[in-house]
Protein backbone atom coordinates (compact mmCIF):
# COMPACT_ATOMS: atom_id res chain seq x y z
CA UNK A 1 118.17 46.28 31.34
CA UNK A 2 120.35 43.32 32.23
CA UNK A 3 124.13 42.82 31.79
CA UNK A 4 124.83 40.39 28.97
CA UNK A 5 127.90 39.12 30.89
CA UNK A 6 127.14 38.96 34.66
CA UNK A 7 123.30 39.04 34.42
CA UNK A 8 122.54 42.14 35.91
CA UNK A 9 121.36 45.01 36.21
CA UNK A 10 123.15 47.70 34.38
CA UNK A 11 123.44 51.36 35.65
CA UNK A 12 121.06 53.59 34.19
CA UNK A 13 121.29 56.13 31.71
CA UNK A 14 118.68 58.70 32.80
CA UNK A 15 116.84 59.77 35.79
CA UNK A 16 113.50 58.31 33.75
CA UNK A 17 115.18 54.72 33.44
CA UNK A 18 114.86 54.37 37.40
CA UNK A 19 111.78 52.52 37.85
CA UNK A 20 110.09 50.30 40.32
CA UNK A 21 110.67 47.22 37.49
CA UNK A 22 114.18 48.22 38.20
CA UNK A 23 114.07 48.20 41.77
CA UNK A 24 113.11 45.07 41.89
CA UNK A 25 116.01 43.94 39.99
CA UNK A 26 118.31 45.17 41.36
CA UNK A 27 117.59 43.75 44.95
CA UNK A 28 116.68 40.57 43.28
CA UNK A 29 119.69 40.37 40.87
CA UNK A 30 122.42 43.15 42.08
CA UNK A 31 123.22 45.71 40.05
CA UNK A 32 125.99 45.15 37.13
CA UNK A 33 129.99 46.04 38.37
CA UNK A 34 131.24 44.76 34.98
CA UNK A 35 131.80 48.46 33.39
CA UNK A 36 130.19 51.19 32.06
CA UNK A 37 126.88 51.71 30.17
CA UNK A 38 127.55 52.17 26.14
CA UNK A 39 128.25 55.68 25.32
CA UNK A 40 129.35 56.73 29.31
CA UNK A 41 132.65 57.95 30.48
CA UNK A 42 134.46 57.62 33.71
CA UNK A 43 134.47 62.20 34.86
CA UNK A 44 138.55 62.11 36.21
CA UNK A 45 139.18 61.25 39.82
CA UNK A 46 139.27 64.18 41.54
CA UNK A 47 142.48 66.07 42.91
CA UNK A 48 142.80 66.13 46.25
CA UNK A 49 145.63 67.90 48.14
CA UNK A 50 147.29 66.41 50.93
CA UNK A 51 146.21 68.48 54.25
CA UNK A 52 149.37 69.49 56.65
CA UNK A 53 149.28 68.30 59.96
CA UNK A 54 147.90 70.91 62.74
CA UNK A 55 151.03 72.31 64.35
């Protein structure tokens, strides 16, 4: 459950991973920001079109 690099809590892989124990660890140690869990990919960034200024 802990990241081997930063020793913080890694992101959960599924909804069933969210437990009271995980929540307590996140509060005490923080959430890992080193990267994504193994086997997960980051979704492509959303493309935003510019908004025209009002006339």
